[in-house]
Amino acid sequence: MPLVCDTLPYDKLSALNARVIRLPEGNPLRKECMDGEVRVFVQNDVLVLHSAGGFYFEHMAVPELESELARHIRTPRAYHCTAFEVDRDDPSVVEKLLDRFQEQHGVAMRRMIDWCVIQFAGKELMLCKLPACLLRHMLAPTGGLMKTTYSGPIDSLSKIPTLVKLGVLSNDFVVDGRVSSMLATEYRAEHYFAVQRLHWDIVREVIARPHSGITLGPVGVWDS
């Protein structure tokens, strides 16, 4: 069975595995189970799943493992989980890691991080669940695609210098005099700040022309 748990009876674990198999193909838990076994255990009131791909965890709302695992199976994951080995003799390490996240990504994003500390294979690990917005903030400087969505009357958009300079206002996208499109800029790490400035130039230029009927957003979103 893909899900392995020493504390659940065979029949209950088998029923939970059947639920996993019925999940959509793109579901992360189903993919982990198809790639190998996923070991499930509880530690410090935390449900932990460990596979070849790494860890995932949930704070347990009730003390019953079967119910919590069933809840995890039916709830889409909204976070990416990563693990850090910490020095068990220095309890300040956890706070230092969180402070580093705050220095690099701000207070608001630090507050979005869910975390716990477990003991695994003789090591003390800090597991962190990172939201998608924080991952984008971390990865954007390394390169990828930066995307900005815009829409509005073609006459108004034709007065936005950056869009005109980039040549993205094709008549092929005009419907009833309006355009709804996206600027996607591929870049490497060394061009990150230049590309970021380019996308925010569009925002500044639209703000400088109020009441033009132009809508922007999301702006400067990273993608791989």
C-alpha atoms as a PDB file:
ATOM      1  CA  MET A   1       0.000   0.000   0.000  1.00  0.00           C
ATOM      2  CA  PRO A   2       1.315   3.496  -0.830  1.00  0.00           C
ATOM      3  CA  LEU A   3       0.411   4.936   2.596  1.00  0.00           C
ATOM      4  CA  VAL A   4       2.321   3.170   5.371  1.00  0.00           C
ATOM      5  CA  CYS A   5       1.406   3.650   9.043  1.00  0.00           C
ATOM      6  CA  ASP A   6       2.385   1.390  11.921  1.00  0.00           C
ATOM      7  CA  THR A   7      -0.427   2.567  14.214  1.00  0.00           C
ATOM      8  CA  LEU A   8      -3.463   2.160  11.931  1.00  0.00           C
ATOM      9  CA  PRO A   9      -5.211  -1.213  11.433  1.00  0.00           C
ATOM     10  CA  TYR A  10      -4.828  -2.757   7.991  1.00  0.00           C
ATOM     11  CA  ASP A  11      -8.483  -2.360   6.997  1.00  0.00           C
ATOM     12  CA  LYS A  12      -8.590   1.350   7.875  1.00  0.00           C
ATOM     13  CA  LEU A  13      -5.283   2.039   6.133  1.00  0.00           C
ATOM     14  CA  SER A  14      -6.474   0.127   3.068  1.00  0.00           C
ATOM     15  CA  ALA A  15      -9.626   2.271   2.904  1.00  0.00           C
ATOM     16  CA  LEU A  16      -7.543   5.447   3.124  1.00  0.00           C
ATOM     17  CA  ASN A  17      -5.247   4.201   0.365  1.00  0.00           C
ATOM     18  CA  ALA A  18      -8.282   3.608  -1.827  1.00  0.00           C
ATOM     19  CA  ARG A  19      -9.204   7.277  -1.373  1.00  0.00           C
ATOM     20  CA  VAL A  20      -5.719   8.344  -2.433  1.00  0.00           C
ATOM     21  CA  ILE A  21      -5.927   6.301  -5.637  1.00  0.00           C
ATOM     22  CA  ARG A  22      -9.154   8.106  -6.557  1.00  0.00           C
ATOM     23  CA  LEU A  23      -7.567  11.552  -6.266  1.00  0.00           C
ATOM     24  CA  PRO A  24      -6.937  13.552  -9.483  1.00  0.00           C
ATOM     25  CA  GLU A  25      -3.673  12.713 -11.244  1.00  0.00           C
ATOM     26  CA  GLY A  26      -2.151  16.111 -10.484  1.00  0.00           C
ATOM     27  CA  ASN A  27      -2.740  15.821  -6.739  1.00  0.00           C
ATOM     28  CA  PRO A  28       0.629  15.990  -4.878  1.00  0.00           C
ATOM     29  CA  LEU A  29      -0.252  13.242  -2.379  1.00  0.00           C
ATOM     30  CA  ARG A  30      -1.394  10.875  -5.116  1.00  0.00           C
ATOM     31  CA  LYS A  31       1.811  11.549  -7.061  1.00  0.00           C
ATOM     32  CA  GLU A  32       3.961  10.842  -3.973  1.00  0.00           C
ATOM     33  CA  CYS A  33       2.111   7.564  -3.425  1.00  0.00           C
ATOM     34  CA  MET A  34       2.525   6.554  -7.060  1.00  0.00           C
ATOM     35  CA  ASP A  35       6.264   7.265  -6.869  1.00  0.00           C
ATOM     36  CA  GLY A  36       6.786   5.147  -3.736  1.00  0.00           C
ATOM     37  CA  GLU A  37       5.604   4.709  -0.188  1.00  0.00           C
ATOM     38  CA  VAL A  38       4.519   7.570   2.042  1.00  0.00           C
ATOM     39  CA  ARG A  39       5.132   6.932   5.731  1.00  0.00           C
ATOM     40  CA  VAL A  40       2.630   8.486   8.124  1.00  0.00           C
ATOM     41  CA  PHE A  41       3.196   9.154  11.817  1.00  0.00           C
ATOM     42  CA  VAL A  42       2.151  11.528  14.609  1.00  0.00           C
ATOM     43  CA  GLN A  43       4.562  13.525  16.710  1.00  0.00           C
ATOM     44  CA  ASN A  44       3.868  16.420  19.088  1.00  0.00           C
ATOM     45  CA  ASP A  45       0.206  16.621  17.930  1.00  0.00           C
ATOM     46  CA  VAL A  46       1.365  16.954  14.335  1.00  0.00           C
ATOM     47  CA  LEU A  47       0.446  14.608  11.483  1.00  0.00           C
ATOM     48  CA  VAL A  48       3.624  14.038   9.454  1.00  0.00           C
ATOM     49  CA  LEU A  49       3.920  12.452   6.002  1.00  0.00           C
ATOM     50  CA  HIS A  50       7.352  11.481   4.704  1.00  0.00           C
ATOM     51  CA  SER A  51       8.138  10.273   1.184  1.00  0.00           C
ATOM     52  CA  ALA A  52      11.037  10.260  -1.242  1.00  0.00           C
ATOM     53  CA  GLY A  53       9.956  13.801  -2.157  1.00  0.00           C
ATOM     54  CA  GLY A  54      10.274  15.121   1.385  1.00  0.00           C
ATOM     55  CA  PHE A  55       7.917  16.003   4.242  1.00  0.00           C
ATOM     56  CA  TYR A  56       4.460  17.440   4.706  1.00  0.00           C
ATOM     57  CA  PHE A  57       2.583  18.066   7.946  1.00  0.00           C
ATOM     58  CA  GLU A  58      -0.708  19.176   9.440  1.00  0.00           C
ATOM     59  CA  HIS A  59      -1.442  20.354  12.975  1.00  0.00           C
ATOM     60  CA  MET A  60      -4.004  17.892  14.275  1.00  0.00           C
ATOM     61  CA  ALA A  61      -7.434  19.384  15.025  1.00  0.00           C
ATOM     62  CA  VAL A  62      -8.534  16.157  16.760  1.00  0.00           C
ATOM     63  CA  PRO A  63      -6.375  13.420  18.325  1.00  0.00           C
ATOM     64  CA  GLU A  64      -7.702  10.679  16.021  1.00  0.00           C
ATOM     65  CA  LEU A  65      -5.123   9.783  13.351  1.00  0.00           C
ATOM     66  CA  GLU A  66      -7.580   8.186  10.924  1.00  0.00           C
ATOM     67  CA  SER A  67      -9.805  11.280  10.847  1.00  0.00           C
ATOM     68  CA  GLU A  68      -6.890  13.652  10.426  1.00  0.00           C
ATOM     69  CA  LEU A  69      -5.370  11.607   7.619  1.00  0.00           C
ATOM     70  CA  ALA A  70      -8.748  11.406   5.870  1.00  0.00           C
ATOM     71  CA  ARG A  71      -9.072  15.195   6.178  1.00  0.00           C
ATOM     72  CA  HIS A  72      -5.619  15.662   4.680  1.00  0.00           C
ATOM     73  CA  ILE A  73      -6.461  13.380   1.748  1.00  0.00           C
ATOM     74  CA  ARG A  74      -9.588  15.328   0.822  1.00  0.00           C
ATOM     75  CA  THR A  75      -8.085  18.806   1.353  1.00  0.00           C
ATOM     76  CA  PRO A  76      -5.934  20.245  -1.480  1.00  0.00           C
ATOM     77  CA  ARG A  77      -2.464  21.316  -0.370  1.00  0.00           C
ATOM     78  CA  ALA A  78      -1.947  25.063  -0.441  1.00  0.00           C
ATOM     79  CA  TYR A  79       1.677  25.087   0.662  1.00  0.00           C
ATOM     80  CA  HIS A  80       5.116  23.782  -0.236  1.00  0.00           C
ATOM     81  CA  CYS A  81       6.842  22.091   2.711  1.00  0.00           C
ATOM     82  CA  THR A  82      10.592  22.248   3.244  1.00  0.00           C
ATOM     83  CA  ALA A  83      12.795  20.912   6.053  1.00  0.00           C
ATOM     84  CA  PHE A  84      15.720  22.492   7.897  1.00  0.00           C
ATOM     85  CA  GLU A  85      18.001  20.602  10.250  1.00  0.00           C
ATOM     86  CA  VAL A  86      18.362  22.562  13.486  1.00  0.00           C
ATOM     87  CA  ASP A  87      20.708  22.297  16.446  1.00  0.00           C
ATOM     88  CA  ARG A  88      18.751  20.731  19.300  1.00  0.00           C
ATOM     89  CA  ASP A  89      21.167  22.320  21.769  1.00  0.00           C
ATOM     90  CA  ASP A  90      20.337  25.820  20.539  1.00  0.00           C
ATOM     91  CA  PRO A  91      16.587  26.554  20.814  1.00  0.00           C
ATOM     92  CA  SER A  92      17.109  30.012  19.295  1.00  0.00           C
ATOM     93  CA  VAL A  93      17.845  28.517  15.852  1.00  0.00           C
ATOM     94  CA  VAL A  94      14.149  28.273  14.956  1.00  0.00           C
ATOM     95  CA  GLU A  95      13.545  31.936  15.713  1.00  0.00           C
ATOM     96  CA  LYS A  96      16.686  32.893  13.803  1.00  0.00           C
ATOM     97  CA  LEU A  97      15.409  31.058  10.713  1.00  0.00           C
ATOM     98  CA  LEU A  98      12.077  32.860  10.948  1.00  0.00           C
ATOM     99  CA  ASP A  99      13.871  36.183  11.416  1.00  0.00           C
ATOM    100  CA  ARG A 100      15.866  35.484   8.251  1.00  0.00           C
ATOM    101  CA  PHE A 101      12.638  34.917   6.318  1.00  0.00           C
ATOM    102  CA  GLN A 102      11.328  38.214   7.677  1.00  0.00           C
ATOM    103  CA  GLU A 103      14.496  40.124   6.699  1.00  0.00           C
ATOM    104  CA  GLN A 104      14.351  38.795   3.148  1.00  0.00           C
ATOM    105  CA  HIS A 105      10.598  38.739   2.503  1.00  0.00           C
ATOM    106  CA  GLY A 106       8.883  40.984   5.063  1.00  0.00           C
ATOM    107  CA  VAL A 107       6.699  40.647   8.152  1.00  0.00           C
ATOM    108  CA  ALA A 108       3.495  39.758   6.278  1.00  0.00           C
ATOM    109  CA  MET A 109       5.068  36.783   4.521  1.00  0.00           C
ATOM    110  CA  ARG A 110       6.730  35.533   7.688  1.00  0.00           C
ATOM    111  CA  ARG A 111       3.305  35.399   9.330  1.00  0.00           C
ATOM    112  CA  MET A 112       2.069  33.160   6.507  1.00  0.00           C
ATOM    113  CA  ILE A 113       4.646  30.464   7.326  1.00  0.00           C
ATOM    114  CA  ASP A 114       3.336  27.458   9.249  1.00  0.00           C
ATOM    115  CA  TRP A 115       5.989  25.398  11.018  1.00  0.00           C
ATOM    116  CA  CYS A 116       6.719  22.657  13.515  1.00  0.00           C
ATOM    117  CA  VAL A 117       9.764  20.864  14.954  1.00  0.00           C
ATOM    118  CA  ILE A 118      10.077  17.061  14.876  1.00  0.00           C
ATOM    119  CA  GLN A 119      12.714  14.429  15.607  1.00  0.00           C
ATOM    120  CA  PHE A 120      13.458  12.179  12.649  1.00  0.00           C
ATOM    121  CA  ALA A 121      16.278   9.677  12.026  1.00  0.00           C
ATOM    122  CA  GLY A 122      18.261  11.040  14.962  1.00  0.00           C
ATOM    123  CA  LYS A 123      17.961  14.639  13.779  1.00  0.00           C
ATOM    124  CA  GLU A 124      15.875  17.604  14.869  1.00  0.00           C
ATOM    125  CA  LEU A 125      14.056  19.077  11.892  1.00  0.00           C
ATOM    126  CA  MET A 126      12.101  22.275  11.474  1.00  0.00           C
ATOM    127  CA  LEU A 127       9.364  21.735   8.886  1.00  0.00           C
ATOM    128  CA  CYS A 128       8.093  24.903   7.204  1.00  0.00           C
ATOM    129  CA  LYS A 129       5.018  25.217   5.005  1.00  0.00           C
ATOM    130  CA  LEU A 130       5.569  28.089   2.586  1.00  0.00           C
ATOM    131  CA  PRO A 131       2.663  29.722   0.691  1.00  0.00           C
ATOM    132  CA  ALA A 132       2.847  30.160  -3.077  1.00  0.00           C
ATOM    133  CA  CYS A 133       3.302  33.940  -2.821  1.00  0.00           C
ATOM    134  CA  LEU A 134       6.407  33.471  -0.657  1.00  0.00           C
ATOM    135  CA  LEU A 135       7.852  30.901  -3.077  1.00  0.00           C
ATOM    136  CA  ARG A 136       7.366  33.329  -5.945  1.00  0.00           C
ATOM    137  CA  HIS A 137       9.071  36.059  -3.914  1.00  0.00           C
ATOM    138  CA  MET A 138      12.000  33.724  -3.219  1.00  0.00           C
ATOM    139  CA  LEU A 139      12.388  32.404  -6.764  1.00  0.00           C
ATOM    140  CA  ALA A 140      11.680  35.509  -8.837  1.00  0.00           C
ATOM    141  CA  PRO A 141      15.261  36.904  -8.568  1.00  0.00           C
ATOM    142  CA  THR A 142      16.659  33.645 -10.003  1.00  0.00           C
ATOM    143  CA  GLY A 143      14.971  34.040 -13.385  1.00  0.00           C
ATOM    144  CA  GLY A 144      11.826  32.845 -15.120  1.00  0.00           C
ATOM    145  CA  LEU A 145       8.765  34.621 -16.477  1.00  0.00           C
ATOM    146  CA  MET A 146       7.273  37.861 -15.163  1.00  0.00           C
ATOM    147  CA  LYS A 147       3.631  38.415 -16.064  1.00  0.00           C
ATOM    148  CA  THR A 148       1.339  41.433 -15.935  1.00  0.00           C
ATOM    149  CA  THR A 149      -2.304  41.311 -17.017  1.00  0.00           C
ATOM    150  CA  TYR A 150      -3.926  44.393 -18.542  1.00  0.00           C
ATOM    151  CA  SER A 151      -7.186  45.335 -20.213  1.00  0.00           C
ATOM    152  CA  GLY A 152      -8.901  48.461 -21.470  1.00  0.00           C
ATOM    153  CA  PRO A 153      -9.886  50.439 -24.561  1.00  0.00           C
ATOM    154  CA  ILE A 154      -7.305  50.109 -27.320  1.00  0.00           C
ATOM    155  CA  ASP A 155      -7.220  53.903 -27.686  1.00  0.00           C
ATOM    156  CA  SER A 156      -6.237  54.294 -24.014  1.00  0.00           C
ATOM    157  CA  LEU A 157      -3.713  51.458 -24.044  1.00  0.00           C
ATOM    158  CA  SER A 158      -2.095  52.979 -27.130  1.00  0.00           C
ATOM    159  CA  LYS A 159      -1.116  55.949 -24.954  1.00  0.00           C
ATOM    160  CA  ILE A 160       0.879  53.786 -22.498  1.00  0.00           C
ATOM    161  CA  PRO A 161       4.499  54.284 -23.666  1.00  0.00           C
ATOM    162  CA  THR A 162       5.885  50.971 -22.388  1.00  0.00           C
ATOM    163  CA  LEU A 163       3.187  48.878 -24.091  1.00  0.00           C
ATOM    164  CA  VAL A 164       3.723  50.826 -27.317  1.00  0.00           C
ATOM    165  CA  LYS A 165       7.510  50.403 -27.107  1.00  0.00           C
ATOM    166  CA  LEU A 166       7.170  46.656 -26.577  1.00  0.00           C
ATOM    167  CA  GLY A 167       4.829  46.319 -29.565  1.00  0.00           C
ATOM    168  CA  VAL A 168       2.283  44.154 -27.733  1.00  0.00           C
ATOM    169  CA  LEU A 169      -0.859  46.042 -28.810  1.00  0.00           C
ATOM    170  CA  SER A 170      -1.808  43.957 -31.813  1.00  0.00           C
ATOM    171  CA  ASN A 171      -5.189  44.400 -33.482  1.00  0.00           C
ATOM    172  CA  ASP A 172      -5.573  40.628 -33.192  1.00  0.00           C
ATOM    173  CA  PHE A 173      -6.486  41.088 -29.521  1.00  0.00           C
ATOM    174  CA  VAL A 174      -9.054  43.866 -30.022  1.00  0.00           C
ATOM    175  CA  VAL A 175     -12.691  42.919 -29.331  1.00  0.00           C
ATOM    176  CA  ASP A 176     -15.315  45.684 -29.486  1.00  0.00           C
ATOM    177  CA  GLY A 177     -12.582  48.278 -29.169  1.00  0.00           C
ATOM    178  CA  ARG A 178     -11.073  46.693 -26.049  1.00  0.00           C
ATOM    179  CA  VAL A 179      -8.010  44.573 -25.341  1.00  0.00           C
ATOM    180  CA  SER A 180      -7.568  41.948 -22.621  1.00  0.00           C
ATOM    181  CA  SER A 181      -4.084  40.491 -22.664  1.00  0.00           C
ATOM    182  CA  MET A 182      -0.948  39.688 -20.702  1.00  0.00           C
ATOM    183  CA  LEU A 183       2.650  40.815 -20.945  1.00  0.00           C
ATOM    184  CA  ALA A 184       4.964  37.876 -20.229  1.00  0.00           C
ATOM    185  CA  THR A 185       8.686  38.637 -20.076  1.00  0.00           C
ATOM    186  CA  GLU A 186      11.240  35.848 -19.897  1.00  0.00           C
ATOM    187  CA  TYR A 187      14.421  36.823 -18.058  1.00  0.00           C
ATOM    188  CA  ARG A 188      17.597  35.559 -16.413  1.00  0.00           C
ATOM    189  CA  ALA A 189      18.757  36.355 -12.897  1.00  0.00           C
ATOM    190  CA  GLU A 190      20.965  39.266 -13.933  1.00  0.00           C
ATOM    191  CA  HIS A 191      18.003  40.983 -15.630  1.00  0.00           C
ATOM    192  CA  TYR A 192      15.531  40.607 -12.751  1.00  0.00           C
ATOM    193  CA  PHE A 193      15.532  44.228 -11.562  1.00  0.00           C
ATOM    194  CA  ALA A 194      15.363  45.608 -15.105  1.00  0.00           C
ATOM    195  CA  VAL A 195      12.372  43.428 -15.967  1.00  0.00           C
ATOM    196  CA  GLN A 196      10.694  44.245 -12.652  1.00  0.00           C
ATOM    197  CA  ARG A 197      11.132  47.960 -13.372  1.00  0.00           C
ATOM    198  CA  LEU A 198       9.681  47.465 -16.867  1.00  0.00           C
ATOM    199  CA  HIS A 199       6.471  45.925 -15.520  1.00  0.00           C
ATOM    200  CA  TRP A 200       6.044  48.568 -12.825  1.00  0.00           C
ATOM    201  CA  ASP A 201       6.657  51.293 -15.404  1.00  0.00           C
ATOM    202  CA  ILE A 202       3.330  50.207 -16.898  1.00  0.00           C
ATOM    203  CA  VAL A 203       1.648  50.770 -13.534  1.00  0.00           C
ATOM    204  CA  ARG A 204       3.169  54.245 -13.177  1.00  0.00           C
ATOM    205  CA  GLU A 205       2.133  55.182 -16.696  1.00  0.00           C
ATOM    206  CA  VAL A 206      -1.452  54.033 -16.145  1.00  0.00           C
ATOM    207  CA  ILE A 207      -1.664  55.954 -12.851  1.00  0.00           C
ATOM    208  CA  ALA A 208      -0.468  59.060 -14.704  1.00  0.00           C
ATOM    209  CA  ARG A 209      -3.518  58.727 -17.012  1.00  0.00           C
ATOM    210  CA  PRO A 210      -6.510  58.433 -14.640  1.00  0.00           C
ATOM    211  CA  HIS A 211     -10.060  57.670 -15.815  1.00  0.00           C
ATOM    212  CA  SER A 212      -8.730  55.954 -18.948  1.00  0.00           C
ATOM    213  CA  GLY A 213     -10.666  52.721 -18.397  1.00  0.00           C
ATOM    214  CA  ILE A 214      -7.521  50.622 -18.040  1.00  0.00           C
ATOM    215  CA  THR A 215      -7.427  47.742 -15.568  1.00  0.00           C
ATOM    216  CA  LEU A 216      -4.200  46.152 -14.366  1.00  0.00           C
ATOM    217  CA  GLY A 217      -3.555  43.066 -12.302  1.00  0.00           C
ATOM    218  CA  PRO A 218      -2.047  40.959 -11.222  1.00  0.00           C
ATOM    219  CA  VAL A 219       1.209  42.827 -11.808  1.00  0.00           C
ATOM    220  CA  GLY A 220       4.730  41.387 -11.958  1.00  0.00           C
ATOM    221  CA  VAL A 221       3.752  37.812 -11.064  1.00  0.00           C
ATOM    222  CA  TRP A 222       6.579  35.274 -11.280  1.00  0.00           C
ATOM    223  CA  ASP A 223       6.245  31.954 -13.057  1.00  0.00           C
ATOM    224  CA  SER A 224       8.784  29.264 -13.881  1.00  0.00           C
END
